[in-house]
N, C-alpha and C. Protein backbone atom coordinates (compact mmCIF):
# COMPACT_ATOMS: atom_id res chain seq x y z
N UNK A 1 8.68 -9.89 -10.52
CA UNK A 1 7.63 -9.44 -9.66
C UNK A 1 8.02 -8.07 -9.11
N UNK A 2 7.01 -7.19 -8.97
CA UNK A 2 7.22 -5.90 -8.33
C UNK A 2 6.22 -5.75 -7.20
N UNK A 3 6.74 -5.42 -6.03
CA UNK A 3 5.93 -5.21 -4.84
C UNK A 3 6.01 -3.74 -4.46
N UNK A 4 4.86 -3.11 -4.27
CA UNK A 4 4.81 -1.73 -3.81
C UNK A 4 4.32 -1.72 -2.36
N UNK A 5 4.86 -0.78 -1.58
CA UNK A 5 4.43 -0.58 -0.20
C UNK A 5 4.07 0.89 -0.05
N UNK A 6 2.91 1.17 0.56
CA UNK A 6 2.60 2.56 0.91
C UNK A 6 3.66 2.96 1.92
N UNK A 7 4.33 4.09 1.69
CA UNK A 7 5.58 4.38 2.38
C UNK A 7 5.59 5.74 3.05
N UNK A 8 6.08 5.76 4.29
CA UNK A 8 6.21 7.01 5.03
C UNK A 8 7.34 6.86 6.05
N UNK A 9 8.50 7.44 5.76
CA UNK A 9 9.62 7.46 6.70
C UNK A 9 9.99 6.06 7.19
N UNK A 10 10.22 5.15 6.26
CA UNK A 10 10.62 3.76 6.49
C UNK A 10 9.48 2.85 6.94
N UNK A 11 8.31 3.40 7.21
CA UNK A 11 7.19 2.62 7.70
C UNK A 11 6.12 2.42 6.63
N UNK A 12 5.28 1.41 6.84
CA UNK A 12 4.11 1.20 5.99
C UNK A 12 3.11 2.30 6.34
N UNK A 13 2.80 3.16 5.37
CA UNK A 13 1.79 4.21 5.57
C UNK A 13 0.47 3.52 5.86
N UNK A 14 -0.25 4.05 6.83
CA UNK A 14 -1.45 3.37 7.30
C UNK A 14 -2.72 3.69 6.54
N UNK A 15 -2.67 4.53 5.54
CA UNK A 15 -3.83 4.72 4.68
C UNK A 15 -3.38 4.90 3.24
N UNK A 16 -3.85 4.00 2.40
CA UNK A 16 -3.49 4.01 0.99
C UNK A 16 -3.65 5.38 0.35
N UNK A 17 -4.78 6.02 0.57
CA UNK A 17 -5.10 7.29 -0.07
C UNK A 17 -4.26 8.46 0.42
N UNK A 18 -3.57 8.29 1.53
CA UNK A 18 -2.73 9.37 2.06
C UNK A 18 -1.25 9.13 1.83
N UNK A 19 -0.92 8.07 1.12
CA UNK A 19 0.49 7.76 0.86
C UNK A 19 1.12 8.84 -0.02
N UNK A 20 2.15 9.49 0.48
CA UNK A 20 2.86 10.48 -0.33
C UNK A 20 3.94 9.81 -1.18
N UNK A 21 4.23 8.55 -0.84
CA UNK A 21 5.23 7.79 -1.60
C UNK A 21 4.86 6.30 -1.59
N UNK A 22 5.35 5.61 -2.60
CA UNK A 22 5.36 4.16 -2.63
C UNK A 22 6.82 3.73 -2.69
N UNK A 23 7.17 2.71 -1.94
CA UNK A 23 8.48 2.10 -2.11
C UNK A 23 8.23 0.85 -2.94
N UNK A 24 8.94 0.76 -4.05
CA UNK A 24 8.72 -0.33 -4.99
C UNK A 24 9.96 -1.23 -5.03
N UNK A 25 9.72 -2.51 -4.85
CA UNK A 25 10.77 -3.52 -4.79
C UNK A 25 10.67 -4.43 -6.00
N UNK A 26 11.76 -4.58 -6.73
CA UNK A 26 11.82 -5.58 -7.80
C UNK A 26 12.32 -6.87 -7.16
N UNK A 27 11.67 -7.97 -7.48
CA UNK A 27 12.00 -9.26 -6.86
C UNK A 27 12.21 -10.30 -7.95
N UNK A 28 13.32 -11.03 -7.83
CA UNK A 28 13.59 -12.15 -8.73
C UNK A 28 14.04 -13.33 -7.89
N UNK A 29 13.48 -14.50 -8.18
CA UNK A 29 13.82 -15.72 -7.45
C UNK A 29 13.72 -15.55 -5.94
N UNK A 30 12.69 -14.81 -5.49
CA UNK A 30 12.44 -14.63 -4.07
C UNK A 30 13.37 -13.66 -3.36
N UNK A 31 14.17 -12.92 -4.13
CA UNK A 31 15.12 -11.97 -3.53
C UNK A 31 14.91 -10.58 -4.12
N UNK A 32 15.06 -9.57 -3.27
CA UNK A 32 14.95 -8.18 -3.72
C UNK A 32 16.18 -7.82 -4.55
N UNK A 33 15.95 -7.37 -5.78
CA UNK A 33 17.05 -7.02 -6.67
C UNK A 33 17.19 -5.51 -6.87
N UNK A 34 16.12 -4.76 -6.56
CA UNK A 34 16.17 -3.31 -6.71
C UNK A 34 15.07 -2.69 -5.87
N UNK A 35 15.31 -1.44 -5.42
CA UNK A 35 14.33 -0.69 -4.66
C UNK A 35 14.32 0.74 -5.16
N UNK A 36 13.13 1.32 -5.22
CA UNK A 36 13.02 2.74 -5.57
C UNK A 36 11.83 3.34 -4.85
N UNK A 37 11.91 4.63 -4.59
CA UNK A 37 10.81 5.34 -3.96
C UNK A 37 10.19 6.25 -5.01
N UNK A 38 8.86 6.12 -5.17
CA UNK A 38 8.14 6.95 -6.13
C UNK A 38 7.19 7.87 -5.38
N UNK A 39 7.26 9.14 -5.71
CA UNK A 39 6.36 10.13 -5.13
C UNK A 39 4.99 10.01 -5.77
N UNK A 40 3.96 10.27 -4.98
CA UNK A 40 2.60 10.26 -5.52
C UNK A 40 2.15 11.66 -5.93
N UNK A 41 3.06 12.63 -5.87
CA UNK A 41 2.73 14.00 -6.26
C UNK A 41 2.22 14.00 -7.70
N UNK A 42 1.09 14.67 -7.89
CA UNK A 42 0.49 14.74 -9.22
C UNK A 42 -0.57 13.68 -9.45
N UNK A 43 -0.70 12.76 -8.50
CA UNK A 43 -1.72 11.72 -8.60
C UNK A 43 -2.79 11.98 -7.55
N UNK A 44 -4.02 12.12 -7.98
CA UNK A 44 -5.13 12.33 -7.06
C UNK A 44 -5.44 11.02 -6.34
N UNK A 45 -6.17 11.12 -5.26
CA UNK A 45 -6.54 9.97 -4.45
C UNK A 45 -7.03 8.80 -5.30
N UNK A 46 -7.88 9.08 -6.28
CA UNK A 46 -8.46 8.02 -7.10
C UNK A 46 -7.56 7.50 -8.21
N UNK A 47 -6.42 8.15 -8.44
CA UNK A 47 -5.55 7.71 -9.54
C UNK A 47 -4.24 7.09 -9.07
N UNK A 48 -4.12 6.83 -7.77
CA UNK A 48 -2.89 6.20 -7.27
C UNK A 48 -2.65 4.83 -7.89
N UNK A 49 -3.73 4.14 -8.21
CA UNK A 49 -3.60 2.83 -8.85
C UNK A 49 -2.92 2.96 -10.22
N UNK A 50 -3.18 4.08 -10.91
CA UNK A 50 -2.51 4.32 -12.20
C UNK A 50 -1.00 4.35 -12.04
N UNK A 51 -0.52 4.99 -10.99
CA UNK A 51 0.92 5.03 -10.72
C UNK A 51 1.47 3.62 -10.51
N UNK A 52 0.73 2.80 -9.79
CA UNK A 52 1.17 1.43 -9.55
C UNK A 52 1.23 0.62 -10.84
N UNK A 53 0.19 0.73 -11.66
CA UNK A 53 0.18 -0.05 -12.90
C UNK A 53 1.25 0.43 -13.87
N UNK A 54 1.46 1.75 -13.95
CA UNK A 54 2.52 2.29 -14.82
C UNK A 54 3.90 1.85 -14.35
N UNK A 55 4.03 1.55 -13.06
CA UNK A 55 5.31 1.11 -12.51
C UNK A 55 5.49 -0.40 -12.59
N UNK A 56 4.48 -1.11 -13.11
CA UNK A 56 4.57 -2.56 -13.27
C UNK A 56 4.36 -3.35 -11.99
N UNK A 57 3.71 -2.74 -11.02
CA UNK A 57 3.48 -3.39 -9.73
C UNK A 57 2.43 -4.48 -9.87
N UNK A 58 2.69 -5.64 -9.26
CA UNK A 58 1.68 -6.69 -9.24
C UNK A 58 1.23 -7.07 -7.84
N UNK A 59 1.86 -6.52 -6.79
CA UNK A 59 1.47 -6.76 -5.41
C UNK A 59 1.58 -5.45 -4.63
N UNK A 60 0.58 -5.16 -3.80
CA UNK A 60 0.59 -3.97 -2.96
C UNK A 60 0.46 -4.36 -1.50
N UNK A 61 1.41 -3.92 -0.69
CA UNK A 61 1.35 -4.07 0.76
C UNK A 61 1.00 -2.71 1.33
N UNK A 62 -0.01 -2.66 2.20
CA UNK A 62 -0.43 -1.37 2.75
C UNK A 62 -1.04 -1.56 4.13
N UNK A 63 -1.36 -0.43 4.76
CA UNK A 63 -2.11 -0.46 6.01
C UNK A 63 -3.57 -0.62 5.67
N UNK A 64 -4.36 0.43 5.90
CA UNK A 64 -5.77 0.37 5.59
C UNK A 64 -6.11 1.05 4.29
N UNK A 65 -7.32 0.79 3.81
CA UNK A 65 -7.81 1.43 2.59
C UNK A 65 -9.31 1.25 2.51
N UNK A 66 -9.93 2.13 1.77
CA UNK A 66 -11.38 2.07 1.60
C UNK A 66 -11.79 1.06 0.55
N UNK A 67 -13.08 0.80 0.51
CA UNK A 67 -13.60 -0.19 -0.44
C UNK A 67 -13.43 0.25 -1.89
N UNK A 68 -13.51 1.55 -2.15
CA UNK A 68 -13.30 2.03 -3.52
C UNK A 68 -11.89 1.73 -4.00
N UNK A 69 -10.90 1.97 -3.14
CA UNK A 69 -9.52 1.67 -3.50
C UNK A 69 -9.32 0.17 -3.69
N UNK A 70 -9.94 -0.62 -2.82
CA UNK A 70 -9.84 -2.09 -2.96
C UNK A 70 -10.33 -2.53 -4.33
N UNK A 71 -11.46 -1.96 -4.73
CA UNK A 71 -12.05 -2.33 -6.03
C UNK A 71 -11.12 -1.95 -7.17
N UNK A 72 -10.58 -0.73 -7.15
CA UNK A 72 -9.68 -0.29 -8.22
C UNK A 72 -8.42 -1.14 -8.29
N UNK A 73 -7.88 -1.50 -7.15
CA UNK A 73 -6.66 -2.32 -7.11
C UNK A 73 -6.95 -3.71 -7.66
N UNK A 74 -8.07 -4.29 -7.26
CA UNK A 74 -8.46 -5.61 -7.75
C UNK A 74 -8.69 -5.59 -9.26
N UNK A 75 -9.38 -4.54 -9.75
CA UNK A 75 -9.63 -4.42 -11.19
C UNK A 75 -8.33 -4.27 -11.98
N UNK A 76 -7.29 -3.74 -11.34
CA UNK A 76 -6.00 -3.58 -12.01
C UNK A 76 -5.14 -4.85 -11.92
N UNK A 77 -5.72 -5.92 -11.39
CA UNK A 77 -5.02 -7.20 -11.24
C UNK A 77 -3.78 -7.09 -10.37
N UNK A 78 -3.86 -6.26 -9.33
CA UNK A 78 -2.79 -6.13 -8.36
C UNK A 78 -3.21 -6.89 -7.11
N UNK A 79 -2.36 -7.80 -6.64
CA UNK A 79 -2.65 -8.55 -5.43
C UNK A 79 -2.55 -7.60 -4.25
N UNK A 80 -3.57 -7.61 -3.41
CA UNK A 80 -3.65 -6.70 -2.28
C UNK A 80 -3.32 -7.42 -0.97
N UNK A 81 -2.38 -6.83 -0.21
CA UNK A 81 -1.98 -7.38 1.09
C UNK A 81 -2.14 -6.24 2.11
N UNK A 82 -3.36 -6.06 2.65
CA UNK A 82 -3.64 -4.93 3.55
C UNK A 82 -3.49 -5.29 5.02
N UNK A 83 -3.61 -4.26 5.86
CA UNK A 83 -3.59 -4.47 7.31
C UNK A 83 -2.20 -4.70 7.86
N UNK A 84 -1.20 -4.15 7.19
CA UNK A 84 0.20 -4.35 7.58
C UNK A 84 0.71 -3.12 8.33
N UNK A 85 1.46 -3.33 9.38
CA UNK A 85 2.09 -2.24 10.13
C UNK A 85 3.59 -2.52 10.22
N UNK A 86 4.35 -1.52 10.64
CA UNK A 86 5.79 -1.70 10.85
C UNK A 86 6.62 -1.17 9.71
N UNK A 87 7.88 -1.61 9.69
CA UNK A 87 8.84 -1.14 8.69
C UNK A 87 8.58 -1.80 7.34
N UNK A 88 8.65 -0.99 6.30
CA UNK A 88 8.36 -1.46 4.95
C UNK A 88 9.31 -2.58 4.51
N UNK A 89 10.61 -2.39 4.72
CA UNK A 89 11.58 -3.41 4.29
C UNK A 89 11.31 -4.74 4.98
N UNK A 90 11.02 -4.69 6.27
CA UNK A 90 10.74 -5.92 7.02
C UNK A 90 9.46 -6.59 6.54
N UNK A 91 8.46 -5.78 6.18
CA UNK A 91 7.21 -6.33 5.68
C UNK A 91 7.43 -7.09 4.37
N UNK A 92 8.22 -6.53 3.48
CA UNK A 92 8.48 -7.19 2.20
C UNK A 92 9.27 -8.48 2.42
N UNK A 93 10.28 -8.43 3.27
CA UNK A 93 11.06 -9.64 3.57
C UNK A 93 10.15 -10.74 4.15
N UNK A 94 9.26 -10.36 5.07
CA UNK A 94 8.33 -11.33 5.65
C UNK A 94 7.38 -11.88 4.59
N UNK A 95 6.91 -11.01 3.70
CA UNK A 95 6.03 -11.45 2.62
C UNK A 95 6.72 -12.48 1.73
N UNK A 96 7.97 -12.21 1.39
CA UNK A 96 8.71 -13.12 0.53
C UNK A 96 8.96 -14.48 1.20
N UNK A 97 8.93 -14.51 2.53
CA UNK A 97 9.10 -15.75 3.29
C UNK A 97 7.76 -16.36 3.68
N UNK A 98 6.66 -15.81 3.12
CA UNK A 98 5.30 -16.26 3.46
C UNK A 98 5.04 -16.19 4.95
N UNK A 99 5.55 -15.13 5.58
CA UNK A 99 5.47 -15.01 7.03
C UNK A 99 4.95 -13.62 7.44
N UNK A 100 4.22 -12.94 6.57
CA UNK A 100 3.76 -11.59 6.85
C UNK A 100 2.40 -11.63 7.55
N UNK A 101 2.29 -10.90 8.65
CA UNK A 101 1.04 -10.77 9.38
C UNK A 101 0.24 -9.65 8.72
N UNK A 102 -0.93 -9.97 8.15
CA UNK A 102 -1.77 -8.97 7.51
C UNK A 102 -3.24 -9.32 7.73
N UNK A 103 -4.11 -8.38 7.44
CA UNK A 103 -5.54 -8.56 7.63
C UNK A 103 -6.26 -8.35 6.30
N UNK A 104 -6.63 -9.42 5.60
CA UNK A 104 -7.26 -9.28 4.28
C UNK A 104 -8.64 -8.63 4.33
N UNK A 105 -9.25 -8.57 5.50
CA UNK A 105 -10.61 -8.04 5.62
C UNK A 105 -10.65 -6.59 6.09
N UNK A 106 -9.50 -5.97 6.27
CA UNK A 106 -9.49 -4.59 6.78
C UNK A 106 -10.18 -3.66 5.79
N UNK A 107 -10.93 -2.73 6.33
CA UNK A 107 -11.62 -1.76 5.49
C UNK A 107 -11.78 -0.46 6.25
N UNK A 108 -11.61 0.63 5.57
CA UNK A 108 -11.80 1.95 6.16
C UNK A 108 -13.04 2.56 5.55
N UNK A 109 -13.89 3.08 6.39
CA UNK A 109 -15.10 3.75 5.92
C UNK A 109 -15.30 4.99 6.75
N UNK A 110 -16.17 5.86 6.29
CA UNK A 110 -16.51 7.05 7.04
C UNK A 110 -15.43 8.12 7.03
N UNK A 111 -14.70 8.23 5.93
CA UNK A 111 -13.66 9.25 5.85
C UNK A 111 -14.24 10.64 5.80
N UNK A 112 -13.55 11.56 6.38
CA UNK A 112 -13.85 12.97 6.22
C UNK A 112 -12.84 13.50 5.22
N UNK A 113 -13.22 13.66 3.98
CA UNK A 113 -12.26 14.03 2.94
C UNK A 113 -11.95 15.51 2.91
N UNK A 114 -12.52 16.28 3.82
CA UNK A 114 -12.12 17.68 3.95
C UNK A 114 -10.76 17.71 4.63
N UNK A 115 -9.72 17.93 3.88
CA UNK A 115 -8.37 17.92 4.45
C UNK A 115 -7.76 16.55 4.52
N UNK A 116 -8.43 15.53 3.96
CA UNK A 116 -7.92 14.16 3.92
C UNK A 116 -7.61 13.59 5.29
N UNK A 117 -8.42 13.88 6.28
CA UNK A 117 -8.23 13.30 7.61
C UNK A 117 -9.34 12.30 7.87
N UNK A 118 -8.99 11.28 8.63
CA UNK A 118 -9.99 10.30 9.02
C UNK A 118 -10.92 10.87 10.07
N UNK A 119 -12.16 10.46 10.02
CA UNK A 119 -13.09 10.84 11.06
C UNK A 119 -13.11 9.81 12.17
N UNK A 120 -12.34 8.72 11.98
CA UNK A 120 -12.38 7.64 12.97
C UNK A 120 -11.01 7.35 13.57
N UNK A 121 -10.09 8.26 13.56
CA UNK A 121 -8.78 8.02 14.14
C UNK A 121 -7.70 8.15 13.10
N UNK A 122 -6.48 8.00 13.53
CA UNK A 122 -5.34 8.22 12.64
C UNK A 122 -4.95 6.99 11.85
N UNK A 123 -5.37 5.82 12.26
CA UNK A 123 -4.85 4.61 11.63
C UNK A 123 -5.97 3.67 11.23
N UNK A 124 -6.08 3.40 9.95
CA UNK A 124 -7.06 2.42 9.50
C UNK A 124 -6.67 1.02 9.94
N UNK A 125 -5.39 0.75 10.00
CA UNK A 125 -4.93 -0.60 10.32
C UNK A 125 -5.20 -0.98 11.77
N UNK A 126 -5.62 -0.04 12.59
CA UNK A 126 -5.88 -0.37 13.98
C UNK A 126 -7.29 -0.89 14.19
N UNK A 127 -8.08 -0.99 13.11
CA UNK A 127 -9.46 -1.48 13.26
C UNK A 127 -9.48 -2.93 13.65
């Protein structure tokens, strides 16, 4: 199993489309066996899912994301675990213990894509 987390300075990045990195965890028998950080440089907002599929990711932990991203992730057969805040490593450990606090219904809408800033605040996960 490979779990990706939208990553920013040890924390879960709060918007999928603004993630400059993914931290990817290889997991065997419920334990993390390897970790790597992948830059999203060269991947446009709509092609971040391609990076995940090329990396063999089957689960994504993130903060918020829009409905378009949700659709692309689902179509790529990647399990989505949205609405997560805090440290990435702790989130993955909690997920592996079936103890992660997340919001499956979180959705971000109304983005102002001029400059990739939200028109509704800095954090989608705070909805």
